[in-house]
Amino acid sequence: MSALHRLQEKIAQWKRDHEALKEENAQLKNQLENIAGSQSEQAATIEALKRELEEKDTEIEKIIAQVETLLS
């Protein structure tokens, strides 16, 4: 096998490896974007639940105040 032929095979292999790495990189970028979107959704859900909890706490405090008033 000539040196030129071996060199051509190496170059062809590097091109295939490069294309495979580019594809893997694109897939990883997509996964990262999906994770970021999921985290945003989770953060919004957490904020909504915190607001709901605060509302429930306020309601409970009102009920306790009414009960204390009735017992006085």
PDB file of N, CA and C in Angstrom:
ATOM      1  N   MET A   1       0.853  -1.165   0.000  1.00  0.00           N
ATOM      2  CA  MET A   1       0.000   0.000   0.000  1.00  0.00           C
ATOM      3  C   MET A   1       0.902   1.233   0.000  1.00  0.00           C
ATOM      4  N   SER A   2       0.623   2.123  -0.862  1.00  0.00           N
ATOM      5  CA  SER A   2       1.478   3.305  -0.977  1.00  0.00           C
ATOM      6  C   SER A   2       1.175   4.294   0.135  1.00  0.00           C
ATOM      7  N   ALA A   3       2.121   5.153   0.382  1.00  0.00           N
ATOM      8  CA  ALA A   3       1.963   6.179   1.411  1.00  0.00           C
ATOM      9  C   ALA A   3       0.804   7.103   1.061  1.00  0.00           C
ATOM     10  N   LEU A   4       0.657   7.401  -0.219  1.00  0.00           N
ATOM     11  CA  LEU A   4      -0.426   8.287  -0.652  1.00  0.00           C
ATOM     12  C   LEU A   4      -1.782   7.645  -0.377  1.00  0.00           C
ATOM     13  N   HIS A   5      -1.893   6.369  -0.624  1.00  0.00           N
ATOM     14  CA  HIS A   5      -3.144   5.649  -0.385  1.00  0.00           C
ATOM     15  C   HIS A   5      -3.472   5.620   1.109  1.00  0.00           C
ATOM     16  N   ARG A   6      -2.462   5.345   1.945  1.00  0.00           N
ATOM     17  CA  ARG A   6      -2.674   5.336   3.394  1.00  0.00           C
ATOM     18  C   ARG A   6      -3.100   6.726   3.884  1.00  0.00           C
ATOM     19  N   LEU A   7      -2.463   7.742   3.331  1.00  0.00           N
ATOM     20  CA  LEU A   7      -2.797   9.110   3.704  1.00  0.00           C
ATOM     21  C   LEU A   7      -4.238   9.437   3.315  1.00  0.00           C
ATOM     22  N   GLN A   8      -4.652   9.001   2.134  1.00  0.00           N
ATOM     23  CA  GLN A   8      -6.034   9.228   1.686  1.00  0.00           C
ATOM     24  C   GLN A   8      -7.021   8.507   2.602  1.00  0.00           C
ATOM     25  N   GLU A   9      -6.674   7.298   3.035  1.00  0.00           N
ATOM     26  CA  GLU A   9      -7.546   6.558   3.946  1.00  0.00           C
ATOM     27  C   GLU A   9      -7.646   7.259   5.298  1.00  0.00           C
ATOM     28  N   LYS A  10      -6.521   7.747   5.793  1.00  0.00           N
ATOM     29  CA  LYS A  10      -6.530   8.480   7.066  1.00  0.00           C
ATOM     30  C   LYS A  10      -7.404   9.728   6.957  1.00  0.00           C
ATOM     31  N   ILE A  11      -7.252  10.463   5.891  1.00  0.00           N
ATOM     32  CA  ILE A  11      -8.042  11.689   5.696  1.00  0.00           C
ATOM     33  C   ILE A  11      -9.527  11.347   5.622  1.00  0.00           C
ATOM     34  N   ALA A  12      -9.862  10.296   4.901  1.00  0.00           N
ATOM     35  CA  ALA A  12     -11.261   9.873   4.798  1.00  0.00           C
ATOM     36  C   ALA A  12     -11.804   9.488   6.170  1.00  0.00           C
ATOM     37  N   GLN A  13     -11.004   8.774   6.974  1.00  0.00           N
ATOM     38  CA  GLN A  13     -11.430   8.383   8.318  1.00  0.00           C
ATOM     39  C   GLN A  13     -11.622   9.608   9.199  1.00  0.00           C
ATOM     40  N   TRP A  14     -10.727  10.573   9.114  1.00  0.00           N
ATOM     41  CA  TRP A  14     -10.850  11.809   9.905  1.00  0.00           C
ATOM     42  C   TRP A  14     -12.110  12.580   9.529  1.00  0.00           C
ATOM     43  N   LYS A  15     -12.418  12.574   8.231  1.00  0.00           N
ATOM     44  CA  LYS A  15     -13.650  13.249   7.790  1.00  0.00           C
ATOM     45  C   LYS A  15     -14.878  12.561   8.384  1.00  0.00           C
ATOM     46  N   ARG A  16     -14.880  11.223   8.358  1.00  0.00           N
ATOM     47  CA  ARG A  16     -16.016  10.492   8.935  1.00  0.00           C
ATOM     48  C   ARG A  16     -16.119  10.755  10.442  1.00  0.00           C
ATOM     49  N   ASP A  17     -14.976  10.723  11.120  1.00  0.00           N
ATOM     50  CA  ASP A  17     -14.966  11.000  12.562  1.00  0.00           C
ATOM     51  C   ASP A  17     -15.453  12.416  12.855  1.00  0.00           C
ATOM     52  N   HIS A  18     -15.019  13.360  12.023  1.00  0.00           N
ATOM     53  CA  HIS A  18     -15.433  14.752  12.205  1.00  0.00           C
ATOM     54  C   HIS A  18     -16.948  14.896  12.037  1.00  0.00           C
ATOM     55  N   GLU A  19     -17.502  14.259  11.027  1.00  0.00           N
ATOM     56  CA  GLU A  19     -18.947  14.321  10.794  1.00  0.00           C
ATOM     57  C   GLU A  19     -19.707  13.668  11.952  1.00  0.00           C
ATOM     58  N   ALA A  20     -19.173  12.564  12.461  1.00  0.00           N
ATOM     59  CA  ALA A  20     -19.820  11.890  13.592  1.00  0.00           C
ATOM     60  C   ALA A  20     -19.795  12.793  14.825  1.00  0.00           C
ATOM     61  N   LEU A  21     -18.680  13.476  15.053  1.00  0.00           N
ATOM     62  CA  LEU A  21     -18.586  14.383  16.192  1.00  0.00           C
ATOM     63  C   LEU A  21     -19.516  15.579  16.035  1.00  0.00           C
ATOM     64  N   LYS A  22     -19.639  16.082  14.819  1.00  0.00           N
ATOM     65  CA  LYS A  22     -20.571  17.191  14.588  1.00  0.00           C
ATOM     66  C   LYS A  22     -22.009  16.764  14.881  1.00  0.00           C
ATOM     67  N   GLU A  23     -22.370  15.551  14.482  1.00  0.00           N
ATOM     68  CA  GLU A  23     -23.715  15.031  14.738  1.00  0.00           C
ATOM     69  C   GLU A  23     -23.941  14.858  16.233  1.00  0.00           C
ATOM     70  N   GLU A  24     -22.953  14.304  16.930  1.00  0.00           N
ATOM     71  CA  GLU A  24     -23.073  14.125  18.376  1.00  0.00           C
ATOM     72  C   GLU A  24     -23.198  15.477  19.076  1.00  0.00           C
ATOM     73  N   ASN A  25     -22.437  16.451  18.620  1.00  0.00           N
ATOM     74  CA  ASN A  25     -22.488  17.800  19.186  1.00  0.00           C
ATOM     75  C   ASN A  25     -23.885  18.408  19.004  1.00  0.00           C
ATOM     76  N   ALA A  26     -24.465  18.225  17.823  1.00  0.00           N
ATOM     77  CA  ALA A  26     -25.809  18.746  17.562  1.00  0.00           C
ATOM     78  C   ALA A  26     -26.831  18.079  18.485  1.00  0.00           C
ATOM     79  N   GLN A  27     -26.689  16.777  18.688  1.00  0.00           N
ATOM     80  CA  GLN A  27     -27.606  16.065  19.576  1.00  0.00           C
ATOM     81  C   GLN A  27     -27.469  16.554  21.015  1.00  0.00           C
ATOM     82  N   LEU A  28     -26.242  16.774  21.452  1.00  0.00           N
ATOM     83  CA  LEU A  28     -26.023  17.267  22.812  1.00  0.00           C
ATOM     84  C   LEU A  28     -26.581  18.671  22.989  1.00  0.00           C
ATOM     85  N   LYS A  29     -26.457  19.509  21.975  1.00  0.00           N
ATOM     86  CA  LYS A  29     -27.026  20.855  22.038  1.00  0.00           C
ATOM     87  C   LYS A  29     -28.546  20.779  22.172  1.00  0.00           C
ATOM     88  N   ASN A  30     -29.161  19.882  21.413  1.00  0.00           N
ATOM     89  CA  ASN A  30     -30.618  19.711  21.504  1.00  0.00           C
ATOM     90  C   ASN A  30     -31.026  19.246  22.897  1.00  0.00           C
ATOM     91  N   GLN A  31     -30.285  18.310  23.454  1.00  0.00           N
ATOM     92  CA  GLN A  31     -30.589  17.830  24.803  1.00  0.00           C
ATOM     93  C   GLN A  31     -30.456  18.954  25.813  1.00  0.00           C
ATOM     94  N   LEU A  32     -29.426  19.766  25.667  1.00  0.00           N
ATOM     95  CA  LEU A  32     -29.209  20.880  26.580  1.00  0.00           C
ATOM     96  C   LEU A  32     -30.345  21.893  26.486  1.00  0.00           C
ATOM     97  N   GLU A  33     -30.800  22.180  25.275  1.00  0.00           N
ATOM     98  CA  GLU A  33     -31.924  23.100  25.091  1.00  0.00           C
ATOM     99  C   GLU A  33     -33.193  22.540  25.725  1.00  0.00           C
ATOM    100  N   ASN A  34     -33.413  21.241  25.566  1.00  0.00           N
ATOM    101  CA  ASN A  34     -34.593  20.612  26.161  1.00  0.00           C
ATOM    102  C   ASN A  34     -34.541  20.678  27.680  1.00  0.00           C
ATOM    103  N   ILE A  35     -33.361  20.453  28.230  1.00  0.00           N
ATOM    104  CA  ILE A  35     -33.208  20.513  29.686  1.00  0.00           C
ATOM    105  C   ILE A  35     -33.458  21.930  30.187  1.00  0.00           C
ATOM    106  N   ALA A  36     -32.933  22.911  29.471  1.00  0.00           N
ATOM    107  CA  ALA A  36     -33.125  24.309  29.874  1.00  0.00           C
ATOM    108  C   ALA A  36     -34.606  24.667  29.839  1.00  0.00           C
ATOM    109  N   GLY A  37     -35.313  24.223  28.813  1.00  0.00           N
ATOM    110  CA  GLY A  37     -36.745  24.472  28.723  1.00  0.00           C
ATOM    111  C   GLY A  37     -37.496  23.801  29.853  1.00  0.00           C
ATOM    112  N   SER A  38     -37.104  22.583  30.165  1.00  0.00           N
ATOM    113  CA  SER A  38     -37.743  21.848  31.254  1.00  0.00           C
ATOM    114  C   SER A  38     -37.513  22.552  32.589  1.00  0.00           C
ATOM    115  N   GLN A  39     -36.302  23.064  32.780  1.00  0.00           N
ATOM    116  CA  GLN A  39     -36.002  23.766  34.025  1.00  0.00           C
ATOM    117  C   GLN A  39     -36.844  25.035  34.150  1.00  0.00           C
ATOM    118  N   SER A  40     -37.054  25.725  33.043  1.00  0.00           N
ATOM    119  CA  SER A  40     -37.883  26.929  33.068  1.00  0.00           C
ATOM    120  C   SER A  40     -39.321  26.586  33.456  1.00  0.00           C
ATOM    121  N   GLU A  41     -39.822  25.506  32.889  1.00  0.00           N
ATOM    122  CA  GLU A  41     -41.181  25.073  33.222  1.00  0.00           C
ATOM    123  C   GLU A  41     -41.278  24.696  34.697  1.00  0.00           C
ATOM    124  N   GLN A  42     -40.278  23.999  35.198  1.00  0.00           N
ATOM    125  CA  GLN A  42     -40.284  23.603  36.603  1.00  0.00           C
ATOM    126  C   GLN A  42     -40.214  24.825  37.510  1.00  0.00           C
ATOM    127  N   ALA A  43     -39.413  25.813  37.133  1.00  0.00           N
ATOM    128  CA  ALA A  43     -39.306  27.030  37.939  1.00  0.00           C
ATOM    129  C   ALA A  43     -40.650  27.755  37.979  1.00  0.00           C
ATOM    130  N   ALA A  44     -41.347  27.808  36.846  1.00  0.00           N
ATOM    131  CA  ALA A  44     -42.662  28.448  36.809  1.00  0.00           C
ATOM    132  C   ALA A  44     -43.651  27.688  37.688  1.00  0.00           C
ATOM    133  N   THR A  45     -43.607  26.367  37.643  1.00  0.00           N
ATOM    134  CA  THR A  45     -44.492  25.548  38.469  1.00  0.00           C
ATOM    135  C   THR A  45     -44.201  25.771  39.949  1.00  0.00           C
ATOM    136  N   ILE A  46     -42.929  25.838  40.295  1.00  0.00           N
ATOM    137  CA  ILE A  46     -42.546  26.073  41.690  1.00  0.00           C
ATOM    138  C   ILE A  46     -43.059  27.424  42.167  1.00  0.00           C
ATOM    139  N   GLU A  47     -42.912  28.452  41.338  1.00  0.00           N
ATOM    140  CA  GLU A  47     -43.403  29.783  41.714  1.00  0.00           C
ATOM    141  C   GLU A  47     -44.914  29.783  41.908  1.00  0.00           C
ATOM    142  N   ALA A  48     -45.626  29.092  41.029  1.00  0.00           N
ATOM    143  CA  ALA A  48     -47.086  29.012  41.161  1.00  0.00           C
ATOM    144  C   ALA A  48     -47.466  28.296  42.457  1.00  0.00           C
ATOM    145  N   LEU A  49     -46.759  27.232  42.776  1.00  0.00           N
ATOM    146  CA  LEU A  49     -47.040  26.494  44.009  1.00  0.00           C
ATOM    147  C   LEU A  49     -46.710  27.330  45.249  1.00  0.00           C
ATOM    148  N   LYS A  50     -45.645  28.114  45.176  1.00  0.00           N
ATOM    149  CA  LYS A  50     -45.303  28.999  46.304  1.00  0.00           C
ATOM    150  C   LYS A  50     -46.409  30.038  46.527  1.00  0.00           C
ATOM    151  N   ARG A  51     -46.908  30.618  45.441  1.00  0.00           N
ATOM    152  CA  ARG A  51     -48.007  31.592  45.574  1.00  0.00           C
ATOM    153  C   ARG A  51     -49.246  30.937  46.169  1.00  0.00           C
ATOM    154  N   GLU A  52     -49.549  29.727  45.699  1.00  0.00           N
ATOM    155  CA  GLU A  52     -50.707  29.002  46.222  1.00  0.00           C
ATOM    156  C   GLU A  52     -50.527  28.711  47.708  1.00  0.00           C
ATOM    157  N   LEU A  53     -49.331  28.336  48.104  1.00  0.00           N
ATOM    158  CA  LEU A  53     -49.046  28.058  49.510  1.00  0.00           C
ATOM    159  C   LEU A  53     -49.213  29.314  50.356  1.00  0.00           C
ATOM    160  N   GLU A  54     -48.728  30.441  49.854  1.00  0.00           N
ATOM    161  CA  GLU A  54     -48.886  31.704  50.578  1.00  0.00           C
ATOM    162  C   GLU A  54     -50.366  32.060  50.744  1.00  0.00           C
ATOM    163  N   GLU A  55     -51.161  31.832  49.702  1.00  0.00           N
ATOM    164  CA  GLU A  55     -52.603  32.097  49.784  1.00  0.00           C
ATOM    165  C   GLU A  55     -53.251  31.194  50.835  1.00  0.00           C
ATOM    166  N   LYS A  56     -52.861  29.925  50.825  1.00  0.00           N
ATOM    167  CA  LYS A  56     -53.425  28.992  51.805  1.00  0.00           C
ATOM    168  C   LYS A  56     -53.029  29.395  53.226  1.00  0.00           C
ATOM    169  N   ASP A  57     -51.780  29.820  53.402  1.00  0.00           N
ATOM    170  CA  ASP A  57     -51.334  30.267  54.722  1.00  0.00           C
ATOM    171  C   ASP A  57     -52.146  31.471  55.192  1.00  0.00           C
ATOM    172  N   THR A  58     -52.409  32.390  54.276  1.00  0.00           N
ATOM    173  CA  THR A  58     -53.210  33.571  54.625  1.00  0.00           C
ATOM    174  C   THR A  58     -54.622  33.159  55.039  1.00  0.00           C
ATOM    175  N   GLU A  59     -55.210  32.228  54.292  1.00  0.00           N
ATOM    176  CA  GLU A  59     -56.552  31.742  54.635  1.00  0.00           C
ATOM    177  C   GLU A  59     -56.561  31.088  56.010  1.00  0.00           C
ATOM    178  N   ILE A  60     -55.546  30.278  56.285  1.00  0.00           N
ATOM    179  CA  ILE A  60     -55.463  29.596  57.582  1.00  0.00           C
ATOM    180  C   ILE A  60     -55.340  30.612  58.714  1.00  0.00           C
ATOM    181  N   GLU A  61     -54.514  31.636  58.494  1.00  0.00           N
ATOM    182  CA  GLU A  61     -54.356  32.664  59.516  1.00  0.00           C
ATOM    183  C   GLU A  61     -55.674  33.387  59.774  1.00  0.00           C
ATOM    184  N   LYS A  62     -56.461  33.636  58.734  1.00  0.00           N
ATOM    185  CA  LYS A  62     -57.762  34.293  58.901  1.00  0.00           C
ATOM    186  C   LYS A  62     -58.705  33.398  59.709  1.00  0.00           C
ATOM    187  N   ILE A  63     -58.700  32.112  59.384  1.00  0.00           N
ATOM    188  CA  ILE A  63     -59.577  31.174  60.095  1.00  0.00           C
ATOM    189  C   ILE A  63     -59.182  31.105  61.567  1.00  0.00           C
ATOM    190  N   ILE A  64     -57.885  31.044  61.862  1.00  0.00           N
ATOM    191  CA  ILE A  64     -57.411  30.997  63.244  1.00  0.00           C
ATOM    192  C   ILE A  64     -57.824  32.261  63.974  1.00  0.00           C
ATOM    193  N   ALA A  65     -57.713  33.414  63.320  1.00  0.00           N
ATOM    194  CA  ALA A  65     -58.122  34.671  63.962  1.00  0.00           C
ATOM    195  C   ALA A  65     -59.611  34.660  64.261  1.00  0.00           C
ATOM    196  N   GLN A  66     -60.437  34.139  63.346  1.00  0.00           N
ATOM    197  CA  GLN A  66     -61.881  34.060  63.582  1.00  0.00           C
ATOM    198  C   GLN A  66     -62.190  33.126  64.740  1.00  0.00           C
ATOM    199  N   VAL A  67     -61.494  31.984  64.802  1.00  0.00           N
ATOM    200  CA  VAL A  67     -61.718  31.027  65.891  1.00  0.00           C
ATOM    201  C   VAL A  67     -61.337  31.668  67.215  1.00  0.00           C
ATOM    202  N   GLU A  68     -60.217  32.378  67.259  1.00  0.00           N
ATOM    203  CA  GLU A  68     -59.782  33.042  68.489  1.00  0.00           C
ATOM    204  C   GLU A  68     -60.802  34.109  68.919  1.00  0.00           C
ATOM    205  N   THR A  69     -61.369  34.801  67.936  1.00  0.00           N
ATOM    206  CA  THR A  69     -62.368  35.805  68.248  1.00  0.00           C
ATOM    207  C   THR A  69     -63.608  35.142  68.852  1.00  0.00           C
ATOM    208  N   LEU A  70     -64.020  34.022  68.284  1.00  0.00           N
ATOM    209  CA  LEU A  70     -65.205  33.313  68.785  1.00  0.00           C
ATOM    210  C   LEU A  70     -64.974  32.761  70.196  1.00  0.00           C
ATOM    211  N   LEU A  71     -63.735  32.348  70.477  1.00  0.00           N
ATOM    212  CA  LEU A  71     -63.439  31.758  71.775  1.00  0.00           C
ATOM    213  C   LEU A  71     -63.229  32.827  72.857  1.00  0.00           C
ATOM    214  N   SER A  72     -63.025  34.065  72.470  1.00  0.00           N
ATOM    215  CA  SER A  72     -62.787  35.118  73.463  1.00  0.00           C
ATOM    216  C   SER A  72     -64.044  35.523  74.152  1.00  0.00           C
TER     217      SER A  72
END
